[in-house]
Amino acid sequence: RIKELDNIIRCLYEDRVCGRITAERYDTMAVGYEQEQAELKQELSSITERIDEMEMREQCIREFMDKAKEYLEMPKLTPELLRVFVRKILVYEKEVKYSRTAGNPIVIYFTFQPNPN
């Protein structure tokens, strides 16, 4: 549709130059077509961004599945297995200092997840 609008605007301009339509009619029609074209381009850009994000997620999932298949029969957690699946582990201070019951918050970043911001 974006290309169609380019052709329509070009033909509309030619009609204006040849005197087939008035300047007011040209201005009215051109503004409408150009606005529609701008909206379509914005929508196309948004859709392209979403597709790129989905492709990145799909790639991460494929990589995880490939790695998981290799280690499916591992009976216990080994350092090698940990390095394959875990990018980093963050251990924070306790929320309540000197508490014996409060645990430390822990965040685990897996290798198959997209990079955190």
PDB file of N, CA and C in Angstrom:
ATOM      1  N   ARG A   1       0.832  -1.193   0.000  1.00  0.00           N
ATOM      2  CA  ARG A   1       0.000   0.000   0.000  1.00  0.00           C
ATOM      3  C   ARG A   1       0.879   1.260   0.000  1.00  0.00           C
ATOM      4  N   ILE A   2       2.013   1.207   0.655  1.00  0.00           N
ATOM      5  CA  ILE A   2       2.917   2.366   0.681  1.00  0.00           C
ATOM      6  C   ILE A   2       3.366   2.710  -0.735  1.00  0.00           C
ATOM      7  N   LYS A   3       3.719   1.705  -1.523  1.00  0.00           N
ATOM      8  CA  LYS A   3       4.125   1.951  -2.909  1.00  0.00           C
ATOM      9  C   LYS A   3       2.948   2.462  -3.741  1.00  0.00           C
ATOM     10  N   GLU A   4       1.764   1.919  -3.482  1.00  0.00           N
ATOM     11  CA  GLU A   4       0.577   2.404  -4.182  1.00  0.00           C
ATOM     12  C   GLU A   4       0.370   3.888  -3.914  1.00  0.00           C
ATOM     13  N   LEU A   5       0.551   4.277  -2.666  1.00  0.00           N
ATOM     14  CA  LEU A   5       0.376   5.684  -2.315  1.00  0.00           C
ATOM     15  C   LEU A   5       1.415   6.562  -3.016  1.00  0.00           C
ATOM     16  N   ASP A   6       2.643   6.076  -3.163  1.00  0.00           N
ATOM     17  CA  ASP A   6       3.656   6.829  -3.919  1.00  0.00           C
ATOM     18  C   ASP A   6       3.177   7.070  -5.353  1.00  0.00           C
ATOM     19  N   ASN A   7       2.640   6.014  -5.990  1.00  0.00           N
ATOM     20  CA  ASN A   7       2.144   6.148  -7.360  1.00  0.00           C
ATOM     21  C   ASN A   7       0.960   7.099  -7.435  1.00  0.00           C
ATOM     22  N   ILE A   8       0.055   7.003  -6.472  1.00  0.00           N
ATOM     23  CA  ILE A   8      -1.113   7.883  -6.453  1.00  0.00           C
ATOM     24  C   ILE A   8      -0.674   9.341  -6.320  1.00  0.00           C
ATOM     25  N   ILE A   9       0.247   9.607  -5.417  1.00  0.00           N
ATOM     26  CA  ILE A   9       0.716  10.984  -5.207  1.00  0.00           C
ATOM     27  C   ILE A   9       1.412  11.496  -6.467  1.00  0.00           C
ATOM     28  N   ARG A  10       2.195  10.643  -7.118  1.00  0.00           N
ATOM     29  CA  ARG A  10       2.880  11.049  -8.346  1.00  0.00           C
ATOM     30  C   ARG A  10       1.862  11.380  -9.451  1.00  0.00           C
ATOM     31  N   CYS A  11       0.864  10.521  -9.615  1.00  0.00           N
ATOM     32  CA  CYS A  11      -0.178  10.774 -10.624  1.00  0.00           C
ATOM     33  C   CYS A  11      -0.977  12.029 -10.266  1.00  0.00           C
ATOM     34  N   LEU A  12      -1.250  12.208  -8.997  1.00  0.00           N
ATOM     35  CA  LEU A  12      -1.975  13.388  -8.544  1.00  0.00           C
ATOM     36  C   LEU A  12      -1.187  14.654  -8.874  1.00  0.00           C
ATOM     37  N   TYR A  13       0.115  14.606  -8.682  1.00  0.00           N
ATOM     38  CA  TYR A  13       0.966  15.759  -9.006  1.00  0.00           C
ATOM     39  C   TYR A  13       0.939  16.035 -10.515  1.00  0.00           C
ATOM     40  N   GLU A  14       1.006  14.951 -11.283  1.00  0.00           N
ATOM     41  CA  GLU A  14       0.957  15.117 -12.741  1.00  0.00           C
ATOM     42  C   GLU A  14      -0.372  15.737 -13.171  1.00  0.00           C
ATOM     43  N   ASP A  15      -1.467  15.304 -12.549  1.00  0.00           N
ATOM     44  CA  ASP A  15      -2.779  15.889 -12.855  1.00  0.00           C
ATOM     45  C   ASP A  15      -2.803  17.368 -12.507  1.00  0.00           C
ATOM     46  N   ARG A  16      -2.176  17.733 -11.421  1.00  0.00           N
ATOM     47  CA  ARG A  16      -2.127  19.146 -11.024  1.00  0.00           C
ATOM     48  C   ARG A  16      -1.311  19.965 -12.019  1.00  0.00           C
ATOM     49  N   VAL A  17      -0.154  19.426 -12.429  1.00  0.00           N
ATOM     50  CA  VAL A  17       0.707  20.133 -13.378  1.00  0.00           C
ATOM     51  C   VAL A  17       0.001  20.300 -14.732  1.00  0.00           C
ATOM     52  N   CYS A  18      -0.732  19.281 -15.146  1.00  0.00           N
ATOM     53  CA  CYS A  18      -1.434  19.336 -16.442  1.00  0.00           C
ATOM     54  C   CYS A  18      -2.717  20.163 -16.362  1.00  0.00           C
ATOM     55  N   GLY A  19      -3.128  20.550 -15.180  1.00  0.00           N
ATOM     56  CA  GLY A  19      -4.314  21.373 -15.021  1.00  0.00           C
ATOM     57  C   GLY A  19      -5.613  20.593 -14.945  1.00  0.00           C
ATOM     58  N   ARG A  20      -5.562  19.303 -14.755  1.00  0.00           N
ATOM     59  CA  ARG A  20      -6.763  18.488 -14.659  1.00  0.00           C
ATOM     60  C   ARG A  20      -7.483  18.651 -13.324  1.00  0.00           C
ATOM     61  N   ILE A  21      -6.730  19.036 -12.269  1.00  0.00           N
ATOM     62  CA  ILE A  21      -7.364  19.313 -10.970  1.00  0.00           C
ATOM     63  C   ILE A  21      -6.873  20.662 -10.453  1.00  0.00           C
ATOM     64  N   THR A  22      -7.654  21.236  -9.571  1.00  0.00           N
ATOM     65  CA  THR A  22      -7.299  22.549  -9.029  1.00  0.00           C
ATOM     66  C   THR A  22      -6.254  22.403  -7.930  1.00  0.00           C
ATOM     67  N   ALA A  23      -5.639  23.522  -7.579  1.00  0.00           N
ATOM     68  CA  ALA A  23      -4.623  23.533  -6.526  1.00  0.00           C
ATOM     69  C   ALA A  23      -5.227  23.143  -5.191  1.00  0.00           C
ATOM     70  N   GLU A  24      -6.437  23.626  -4.899  1.00  0.00           N
ATOM     71  CA  GLU A  24      -7.082  23.278  -3.625  1.00  0.00           C
ATOM     72  C   GLU A  24      -7.366  21.783  -3.546  1.00  0.00           C
ATOM     73  N   ARG A  25      -7.871  21.229  -4.653  1.00  0.00           N
ATOM     74  CA  ARG A  25      -8.178  19.790  -4.688  1.00  0.00           C
ATOM     75  C   ARG A  25      -6.890  18.987  -4.512  1.00  0.00           C
ATOM     76  N   TYR A  26      -5.818  19.410  -5.187  1.00  0.00           N
ATOM     77  CA  TYR A  26      -4.534  18.725  -5.052  1.00  0.00           C
ATOM     78  C   TYR A  26      -4.054  18.751  -3.605  1.00  0.00           C
ATOM     79  N   ASP A  27      -4.088  19.930  -2.977  1.00  0.00           N
ATOM     80  CA  ASP A  27      -3.619  20.067  -1.594  1.00  0.00           C
ATOM     81  C   ASP A  27      -4.408  19.164  -0.662  1.00  0.00           C
ATOM     82  N   THR A  28      -5.722  19.154  -0.820  1.00  0.00           N
ATOM     83  CA  THR A  28      -6.583  18.328   0.047  1.00  0.00           C
ATOM     84  C   THR A  28      -6.258  16.841  -0.116  1.00  0.00           C
ATOM     85  N   MET A  29      -6.183  16.412  -1.355  1.00  0.00           N
ATOM     86  CA  MET A  29      -5.945  14.985  -1.606  1.00  0.00           C
ATOM     87  C   MET A  29      -4.528  14.576  -1.209  1.00  0.00           C
ATOM     88  N   ALA A  30      -3.553  15.416  -1.523  1.00  0.00           N
ATOM     89  CA  ALA A  30      -2.162  15.082  -1.210  1.00  0.00           C
ATOM     90  C   ALA A  30      -1.945  14.960   0.287  1.00  0.00           C
ATOM     91  N   VAL A  31      -2.534  15.868   1.059  1.00  0.00           N
ATOM     92  CA  VAL A  31      -2.371  15.820   2.516  1.00  0.00           C
ATOM     93  C   VAL A  31      -2.928  14.504   3.067  1.00  0.00           C
ATOM     94  N   GLY A  32      -4.094  14.098   2.594  1.00  0.00           N
ATOM     95  CA  GLY A  32      -4.696  12.839   3.059  1.00  0.00           C
ATOM     96  C   GLY A  32      -3.835  11.634   2.729  1.00  0.00           C
ATOM     97  N   TYR A  33      -3.357  11.582   1.479  1.00  0.00           N
ATOM     98  CA  TYR A  33      -2.523  10.449   1.076  1.00  0.00           C
ATOM     99  C   TYR A  33      -1.194  10.427   1.825  1.00  0.00           C
ATOM    100  N   GLU A  34      -0.599  11.582   2.000  1.00  0.00           N
ATOM    101  CA  GLU A  34       0.682  11.643   2.706  1.00  0.00           C
ATOM    102  C   GLU A  34       0.528  11.264   4.179  1.00  0.00           C
ATOM    103  N   GLN A  35      -0.596  11.648   4.780  1.00  0.00           N
ATOM    104  CA  GLN A  35      -0.841  11.274   6.179  1.00  0.00           C
ATOM    105  C   GLN A  35      -1.017   9.765   6.299  1.00  0.00           C
ATOM    106  N   GLU A  36      -1.780   9.180   5.377  1.00  0.00           N
ATOM    107  CA  GLU A  36      -1.972   7.730   5.392  1.00  0.00           C
ATOM    108  C   GLU A  36      -0.639   7.010   5.197  1.00  0.00           C
ATOM    109  N   GLN A  37       0.176   7.526   4.301  1.00  0.00           N
ATOM    110  CA  GLN A  37       1.469   6.920   4.034  1.00  0.00           C
ATOM    111  C   GLN A  37       2.381   6.995   5.268  1.00  0.00           C
ATOM    112  N   ALA A  38       2.372   8.126   5.955  1.00  0.00           N
ATOM    113  CA  ALA A  38       3.186   8.272   7.166  1.00  0.00           C
ATOM    114  C   ALA A  38       2.742   7.288   8.245  1.00  0.00           C
ATOM    115  N   GLU A  39       1.425   7.120   8.402  1.00  0.00           N
ATOM    116  CA  GLU A  39       0.906   6.179   9.394  1.00  0.00           C
ATOM    117  C   GLU A  39       1.311   4.749   9.043  1.00  0.00           C
ATOM    118  N   LEU A  40       1.231   4.410   7.770  1.00  0.00           N
ATOM    119  CA  LEU A  40       1.613   3.061   7.346  1.00  0.00           C
ATOM    120  C   LEU A  40       3.105   2.805   7.569  1.00  0.00           C
ATOM    121  N   LYS A  41       3.919   3.813   7.304  1.00  0.00           N
ATOM    122  CA  LYS A  41       5.364   3.648   7.525  1.00  0.00           C
ATOM    123  C   LYS A  41       5.669   3.460   9.008  1.00  0.00           C
ATOM    124  N   GLN A  42       4.971   4.187   9.873  1.00  0.00           N
ATOM    125  CA  GLN A  42       5.162   4.046  11.315  1.00  0.00           C
ATOM    126  C   GLN A  42       4.749   2.647  11.772  1.00  0.00           C
ATOM    127  N   GLU A  43       3.612   2.180  11.255  1.00  0.00           N
ATOM    128  CA  GLU A  43       3.130   0.846  11.611  1.00  0.00           C
ATOM    129  C   GLU A  43       4.102  -0.230  11.120  1.00  0.00           C
ATOM    130  N   LEU A  44       4.625  -0.051   9.906  1.00  0.00           N
ATOM    131  CA  LEU A  44       5.595  -0.993   9.358  1.00  0.00           C
ATOM    132  C   LEU A  44       6.850  -1.050  10.222  1.00  0.00           C
ATOM    133  N   SER A  45       7.308   0.105  10.678  1.00  0.00           N
ATOM    134  CA  SER A  45       8.488   0.161  11.539  1.00  0.00           C
ATOM    135  C   SER A  45       8.243  -0.580  12.856  1.00  0.00           C
ATOM    136  N   SER A  46       7.075  -0.377  13.438  1.00  0.00           N
ATOM    137  CA  SER A  46       6.732  -1.041  14.697  1.00  0.00           C
ATOM    138  C   SER A  46       6.667  -2.559  14.515  1.00  0.00           C
ATOM    139  N   ILE A  47       6.065  -2.988  13.436  1.00  0.00           N
ATOM    140  CA  ILE A  47       5.952  -4.424  13.169  1.00  0.00           C
ATOM    141  C   ILE A  47       7.333  -5.028  12.935  1.00  0.00           C
ATOM    142  N   THR A  48       8.187  -4.323  12.228  1.00  0.00           N
ATOM    143  CA  THR A  48       9.543  -4.813  11.969  1.00  0.00           C
ATOM    144  C   THR A  48      10.321  -4.976  13.272  1.00  0.00           C
ATOM    145  N   GLU A  49      10.174  -4.018  14.196  1.00  0.00           N
ATOM    146  CA  GLU A  49      10.846  -4.121  15.493  1.00  0.00           C
ATOM    147  C   GLU A  49      10.365  -5.348  16.254  1.00  0.00           C
ATOM    148  N   ARG A  50       9.047  -5.585  16.244  1.00  0.00           N
ATOM    149  CA  ARG A  50       8.500  -6.747  16.948  1.00  0.00           C
ATOM    150  C   ARG A  50       8.999  -8.051  16.332  1.00  0.00           C
ATOM    151  N   ILE A  51       9.069  -8.089  15.016  1.00  0.00           N
ATOM    152  CA  ILE A  51       9.568  -9.293  14.342  1.00  0.00           C
ATOM    153  C   ILE A  51      11.018  -9.555  14.718  1.00  0.00           C
ATOM    154  N   ASP A  52      11.843  -8.509  14.735  1.00  0.00           N
ATOM    155  CA  ASP A  52      13.245  -8.663  15.116  1.00  0.00           C
ATOM    156  C   ASP A  52      13.376  -9.201  16.540  1.00  0.00           C
ATOM    157  N   GLU A  53      12.554  -8.670  17.452  1.00  0.00           N
ATOM    158  CA  GLU A  53      12.587  -9.127  18.841  1.00  0.00           C
ATOM    159  C   GLU A  53      12.170 -10.591  18.945  1.00  0.00           C
ATOM    160  N   MET A  54      11.134 -10.964  18.200  1.00  0.00           N
ATOM    161  CA  MET A  54      10.671 -12.353  18.234  1.00  0.00           C
ATOM    162  C   MET A  54      11.720 -13.290  17.646  1.00  0.00           C
ATOM    163  N   GLU A  55      12.412 -12.864  16.601  1.00  0.00           N
ATOM    164  CA  GLU A  55      13.466 -13.689  16.023  1.00  0.00           C
ATOM    165  C   GLU A  55      14.614 -13.889  16.998  1.00  0.00           C
ATOM    166  N   MET A  56      14.952 -12.835  17.765  1.00  0.00           N
ATOM    167  CA  MET A  56      16.014 -12.948  18.759  1.00  0.00           C
ATOM    168  C   MET A  56      15.601 -13.943  19.852  1.00  0.00           C
ATOM    169  N   ARG A  57      14.348 -13.847  20.300  1.00  0.00           N
ATOM    170  CA  ARG A  57      13.866 -14.790  21.327  1.00  0.00           C
ATOM    171  C   ARG A  57      13.881 -16.214  20.793  1.00  0.00           C
ATOM    172  N   GLU A  58      13.452 -16.373  19.555  1.00  0.00           N
ATOM    173  CA  GLU A  58      13.431 -17.704  18.949  1.00  0.00           C
ATOM    174  C   GLU A  58      14.837 -18.287  18.882  1.00  0.00           C
ATOM    175  N   GLN A  59      15.814 -17.464  18.522  1.00  0.00           N
ATOM    176  CA  GLN A  59      17.206 -17.923  18.469  1.00  0.00           C
ATOM    177  C   GLN A  59      17.698 -18.349  19.851  1.00  0.00           C
ATOM    178  N   CYS A  60      17.364 -17.566  20.875  1.00  0.00           N
ATOM    179  CA  CYS A  60      17.763 -17.917  22.244  1.00  0.00           C
ATOM    180  C   CYS A  60      17.147 -19.250  22.663  1.00  0.00           C
ATOM    181  N   ILE A  61      15.898 -19.446  22.315  1.00  0.00           N
ATOM    182  CA  ILE A  61      15.225 -20.701  22.672  1.00  0.00           C
ATOM    183  C   ILE A  61      15.853 -21.877  21.944  1.00  0.00           C
ATOM    184  N   ARG A  62      16.174 -21.685  20.674  1.00  0.00           N
ATOM    185  CA  ARG A  62      16.829 -22.772  19.911  1.00  0.00           C
ATOM    186  C   ARG A  62      18.169 -23.145  20.539  1.00  0.00           C
ATOM    187  N   GLU A  63      18.948 -22.128  20.897  1.00  0.00           N
ATOM    188  CA  GLU A  63      20.252 -22.397  21.513  1.00  0.00           C
ATOM    189  C   GLU A  63      20.078 -23.157  22.825  1.00  0.00           C
ATOM    190  N   PHE A  64      19.085 -22.746  23.623  1.00  0.00           N
ATOM    191  CA  PHE A  64      18.834 -23.435  24.882  1.00  0.00           C
ATOM    192  C   PHE A  64      18.448 -24.889  24.634  1.00  0.00           C
ATOM    193  N   MET A  65      17.562 -25.109  23.674  1.00  0.00           N
ATOM    194  CA  MET A  65      17.103 -26.475  23.394  1.00  0.00           C
ATOM    195  C   MET A  65      18.267 -27.348  22.929  1.00  0.00           C
ATOM    196  N   ASP A  66      19.134 -26.785  22.089  1.00  0.00           N
ATOM    197  CA  ASP A  66      20.295 -27.555  21.631  1.00  0.00           C
ATOM    198  C   ASP A  66      21.201 -27.934  22.799  1.00  0.00           C
ATOM    199  N   LYS A  67      21.442 -26.984  23.702  1.00  0.00           N
ATOM    200  CA  LYS A  67      22.290 -27.263  24.867  1.00  0.00           C
ATOM    201  C   LYS A  67      21.604 -28.244  25.810  1.00  0.00           C
ATOM    202  N   ALA A  68      20.306 -28.082  25.982  1.00  0.00           N
ATOM    203  CA  ALA A  68      19.578 -28.958  26.900  1.00  0.00           C
ATOM    204  C   ALA A  68      19.600 -30.405  26.403  1.00  0.00           C
ATOM    205  N   LYS A  69      19.513 -30.607  25.109  1.00  0.00           N
ATOM    206  CA  LYS A  69      19.542 -31.963  24.561  1.00  0.00           C
ATOM    207  C   LYS A  69      20.867 -32.659  24.867  1.00  0.00           C
ATOM    208  N   GLU A  70      21.958 -31.892  24.845  1.00  0.00           N
ATOM    209  CA  GLU A  70      23.268 -32.462  25.135  1.00  0.00           C
ATOM    210  C   GLU A  70      23.361 -32.969  26.576  1.00  0.00           C
ATOM    211  N   TYR A  71      22.696 -32.275  27.491  1.00  0.00           N
ATOM    212  CA  TYR A  71      22.846 -32.569  28.915  1.00  0.00           C
ATOM    213  C   TYR A  71      21.594 -33.183  29.530  1.00  0.00           C
ATOM    214  N   LEU A  72      20.761 -33.762  28.743  1.00  0.00           N
ATOM    215  CA  LEU A  72      19.496 -34.302  29.230  1.00  0.00           C
ATOM    216  C   LEU A  72      19.684 -35.446  30.229  1.00  0.00           C
ATOM    217  N   GLU A  73      20.709 -36.228  30.061  1.00  0.00           N
ATOM    218  CA  GLU A  73      20.917 -37.405  30.902  1.00  0.00           C
ATOM    219  C   GLU A  73      21.888 -37.171  32.066  1.00  0.00           C
ATOM    220  N   MET A  74      22.232 -35.937  32.378  1.00  0.00           N
ATOM    221  CA  MET A  74      23.152 -35.648  33.483  1.00  0.00           C
ATOM    222  C   MET A  74      22.462 -35.938  34.818  1.00  0.00           C
ATOM    223  N   PRO A  75      23.033 -36.813  35.656  1.00  0.00           N
ATOM    224  CA  PRO A  75      22.385 -37.153  36.925  1.00  0.00           C
ATOM    225  C   PRO A  75      22.551 -36.084  38.008  1.00  0.00           C
ATOM    226  N   LYS A  76      23.595 -35.225  37.899  1.00  0.00           N
ATOM    227  CA  LYS A  76      23.791 -34.210  38.930  1.00  0.00           C
ATOM    228  C   LYS A  76      24.371 -32.943  38.299  1.00  0.00           C
ATOM    229  N   LEU A  77      24.279 -31.860  39.051  1.00  0.00           N
ATOM    230  CA  LEU A  77      24.779 -30.577  38.586  1.00  0.00           C
ATOM    231  C   LEU A  77      26.302 -30.551  38.700  1.00  0.00           C
ATOM    232  N   THR A  78      26.949 -30.293  37.597  1.00  0.00           N
ATOM    233  CA  THR A  78      28.406 -30.214  37.565  1.00  0.00           C
ATOM    234  C   THR A  78      28.822 -28.786  37.217  1.00  0.00           C
ATOM    235  N   PRO A  79      30.066 -28.425  37.511  1.00  0.00           N
ATOM    236  CA  PRO A  79      30.536 -27.084  37.119  1.00  0.00           C
ATOM    237  C   PRO A  79      30.404 -26.828  35.613  1.00  0.00           C
ATOM    238  N   GLU A  80      30.661 -27.853  34.825  1.00  0.00           N
ATOM    239  CA  GLU A  80      30.530 -27.710  33.372  1.00  0.00           C
ATOM    240  C   GLU A  80      29.087 -27.384  32.982  1.00  0.00           C
ATOM    241  N   LEU A  81      28.160 -28.102  33.554  1.00  0.00           N
ATOM    242  CA  LEU A  81      26.739 -27.874  33.279  1.00  0.00           C
ATOM    243  C   LEU A  81      26.313 -26.482  33.738  1.00  0.00           C
ATOM    244  N   LEU A  82      26.814 -26.061  34.861  1.00  0.00           N
ATOM    245  CA  LEU A  82      26.505 -24.735  35.383  1.00  0.00           C
ATOM    246  C   LEU A  82      27.012 -23.646  34.430  1.00  0.00           C
ATOM    247  N   ARG A  83      28.219 -23.812  33.912  1.00  0.00           N
ATOM    248  CA  ARG A  83      28.780 -22.815  32.980  1.00  0.00           C
ATOM    249  C   ARG A  83      27.998 -22.762  31.673  1.00  0.00           C
ATOM    250  N   VAL A  84      27.451 -23.885  31.247  1.00  0.00           N
ATOM    251  CA  VAL A  84      26.705 -23.927  29.987  1.00  0.00           C
ATOM    252  C   VAL A  84      25.374 -23.190  30.110  1.00  0.00           C
ATOM    253  N   PHE A  85      24.692 -23.329  31.243  1.00  0.00           N
ATOM    254  CA  PHE A  85      23.335 -22.805  31.361  1.00  0.00           C
ATOM    255  C   PHE A  85      23.211 -21.502  32.143  1.00  0.00           C
ATOM    256  N   VAL A  86      24.206 -21.130  32.946  1.00  0.00           N
ATOM    257  CA  VAL A  86      24.087 -19.934  33.781  1.00  0.00           C
ATOM    258  C   VAL A  86      25.136 -18.910  33.368  1.00  0.00           C
ATOM    259  N   ARG A  87      24.672 -17.695  33.024  1.00  0.00           N
ATOM    260  CA  ARG A  87      25.588 -16.617  32.644  1.00  0.00           C
ATOM    261  C   ARG A  87      26.187 -15.985  33.886  1.00  0.00           C
ATOM    262  N   LYS A  88      25.324 -15.633  34.853  1.00  0.00           N
ATOM    263  CA  LYS A  88      25.837 -15.074  36.112  1.00  0.00           C
ATOM    264  C   LYS A  88      24.776 -15.215  37.191  1.00  0.00           C
ATOM    265  N   ILE A  89      25.261 -15.173  38.439  1.00  0.00           N
ATOM    266  CA  ILE A  89      24.392 -15.245  39.609  1.00  0.00           C
ATOM    267  C   ILE A  89      24.706 -14.050  40.490  1.00  0.00           C
ATOM    268  N   LEU A  90      23.677 -13.289  40.825  1.00  0.00           N
ATOM    269  CA  LEU A  90      23.845 -12.133  41.711  1.00  0.00           C
ATOM    270  C   LEU A  90      23.212 -12.453  43.060  1.00  0.00           C
ATOM    271  N   VAL A  91      23.992 -12.281  44.119  1.00  0.00           N
ATOM    272  CA  VAL A  91      23.501 -12.492  45.473  1.00  0.00           C
ATOM    273  C   VAL A  91      23.567 -11.145  46.180  1.00  0.00           C
ATOM    274  N   TYR A  92      22.412 -10.660  46.633  1.00  0.00           N
ATOM    275  CA  TYR A  92      22.321  -9.345  47.269  1.00  0.00           C
ATOM    276  C   TYR A  92      22.352  -9.479  48.792  1.00  0.00           C
ATOM    277  N   GLU A  93      22.541  -8.354  49.446  1.00  0.00           N
ATOM    278  CA  GLU A  93      22.512  -8.349  50.905  1.00  0.00           C
ATOM    279  C   GLU A  93      21.107  -8.678  51.399  1.00  0.00           C
ATOM    280  N   LYS A  94      21.052  -9.172  52.637  1.00  0.00           N
ATOM    281  CA  LYS A  94      19.751  -9.463  53.232  1.00  0.00           C
ATOM    282  C   LYS A  94      18.948  -8.183  53.369  1.00  0.00           C
ATOM    283  N   GLU A  95      17.645  -8.300  53.191  1.00  0.00           N
ATOM    284  CA  GLU A  95      16.781  -7.132  53.333  1.00  0.00           C
ATOM    285  C   GLU A  95      16.674  -6.706  54.793  1.00  0.00           C
ATOM    286  N   VAL A  96      16.772  -7.699  55.697  1.00  0.00           N
ATOM    287  CA  VAL A  96      16.759  -7.411  57.137  1.00  0.00           C
ATOM    288  C   VAL A  96      18.113  -7.852  57.678  1.00  0.00           C
ATOM    289  N   LYS A  97      18.927  -6.880  58.076  1.00  0.00           N
ATOM    290  CA  LYS A  97      20.277  -7.212  58.541  1.00  0.00           C
ATOM    291  C   LYS A  97      20.223  -8.005  59.845  1.00  0.00           C
ATOM    292  N   TYR A  98      21.166  -8.882  59.987  1.00  0.00           N
ATOM    293  CA  TYR A  98      21.353  -9.711  61.193  1.00  0.00           C
ATOM    294  C   TYR A  98      20.178 -10.650  61.452  1.00  0.00           C
ATOM    295  N   SER A  99      19.368 -10.909  60.449  1.00  0.00           N
ATOM    296  CA  SER A  99      18.244 -11.826  60.621  1.00  0.00           C
ATOM    297  C   SER A  99      18.707 -13.240  60.277  1.00  0.00           C
ATOM    298  N   ARG A 100      18.275 -14.188  61.100  1.00  0.00           N
ATOM    299  CA  ARG A 100      18.627 -15.581  60.825  1.00  0.00           C
ATOM    300  C   ARG A 100      17.624 -16.232  59.885  1.00  0.00           C
ATOM    301  N   THR A 101      16.435 -15.643  59.762  1.00  0.00           N
ATOM    302  CA  THR A 101      15.403 -16.260  58.932  1.00  0.00           C
ATOM    303  C   THR A 101      15.273 -15.612  57.555  1.00  0.00           C
ATOM    304  N   ALA A 102      15.670 -14.360  57.431  1.00  0.00           N
ATOM    305  CA  ALA A 102      15.562 -13.680  56.134  1.00  0.00           C
ATOM    306  C   ALA A 102      16.687 -14.151  55.221  1.00  0.00           C
ATOM    307  N   GLY A 103      16.333 -14.537  54.020  1.00  0.00           N
ATOM    308  CA  GLY A 103      17.338 -14.997  53.066  1.00  0.00           C
ATOM    309  C   GLY A 103      17.863 -13.862  52.205  1.00  0.00           C
ATOM    310  N   ASN A 104      18.943 -14.130  51.534  1.00  0.00           N
ATOM    311  CA  ASN A 104      19.507 -13.144  50.607  1.00  0.00           C
ATOM    312  C   ASN A 104      18.762 -13.247  49.270  1.00  0.00           C
ATOM    313  N   PRO A 105      18.360 -12.104  48.713  1.00  0.00           N
ATOM    314  CA  PRO A 105      17.759 -12.153  47.363  1.00  0.00           C
ATOM    315  C   PRO A 105      18.805 -12.613  46.348  1.00  0.00           C
ATOM    316  N   ILE A 106      18.413 -13.513  45.464  1.00  0.00           N
ATOM    317  CA  ILE A 106      19.316 -14.073  44.465  1.00  0.00           C
ATOM    318  C   ILE A 106      18.665 -13.923  43.089  1.00  0.00           C
ATOM    319  N   VAL A 107      19.458 -13.481  42.112  1.00  0.00           N
ATOM    320  CA  VAL A 107      18.984 -13.384  40.722  1.00  0.00           C
ATOM    321  C   VAL A 107      19.926 -14.216  39.865  1.00  0.00           C
ATOM    322  N   ILE A 108      19.341 -15.112  39.069  1.00  0.00           N
ATOM    323  CA  ILE A 108      20.133 -15.982  38.189  1.00  0.00           C
ATOM    324  C   ILE A 108      19.844 -15.583  36.742  1.00  0.00           C
ATOM    325  N   TYR A 109      20.908 -15.286  35.990  1.00  0.00           N
ATOM    326  CA  TYR A 109      20.790 -14.969  34.562  1.00  0.00           C
ATOM    327  C   TYR A 109      21.229 -16.188  33.771  1.00  0.00           C
ATOM    328  N   PHE A 110      20.301 -16.785  33.056  1.00  0.00           N
ATOM    329  CA  PHE A 110      20.592 -17.964  32.254  1.00  0.00           C
ATOM    330  C   PHE A 110      21.135 -17.552  30.887  1.00  0.00           C
ATOM    331  N   THR A 111      21.923 -18.417  30.282  1.00  0.00           N
ATOM    332  CA  THR A 111      22.544 -18.084  28.998  1.00  0.00           C
ATOM    333  C   THR A 111      21.534 -17.991  27.871  1.00  0.00           C
ATOM    334  N   PHE A 112      20.402 -18.653  27.980  1.00  0.00           N
ATOM    335  CA  PHE A 112      19.421 -18.632  26.899  1.00  0.00           C
ATOM    336  C   PHE A 112      18.500 -17.423  26.969  1.00  0.00           C
ATOM    337  N   GLN A 113      18.588 -16.616  28.001  1.00  0.00           N
ATOM    338  CA  GLN A 113      17.780 -15.409  28.100  1.00  0.00           C
ATOM    339  C   GLN A 113      18.481 -14.268  27.369  1.00  0.00           C
ATOM    340  N   PRO A 114      17.699 -13.356  26.757  1.00  0.00           N
ATOM    341  CA  PRO A 114      18.326 -12.180  26.150  1.00  0.00           C
ATOM    342  C   PRO A 114      19.056 -11.373  27.217  1.00  0.00           C
ATOM    343  N   ASN A 115      20.039 -10.604  26.807  1.00  0.00           N
ATOM    344  CA  ASN A 115      20.814  -9.799  27.759  1.00  0.00           C
ATOM    345  C   ASN A 115      19.912  -8.841  28.512  1.00  0.00           C
ATOM    346  N   PRO A 116      20.057  -8.762  29.850  1.00  0.00           N
ATOM    347  CA  PRO A 116      19.246  -7.818  30.621  1.00  0.00           C
ATOM    348  C   PRO A 116      19.695  -6.393  30.340  1.00  0.00           C
ATOM    349  N   ASN A 117      18.761  -5.466  30.461  1.00  0.00           N
ATOM    350  CA  ASN A 117      19.094  -4.042  30.212  1.00  0.00           C
ATOM    351  C   ASN A 117      19.772  -3.433  31.394  1.00  0.00           C
TER     352      ASN A 117
END
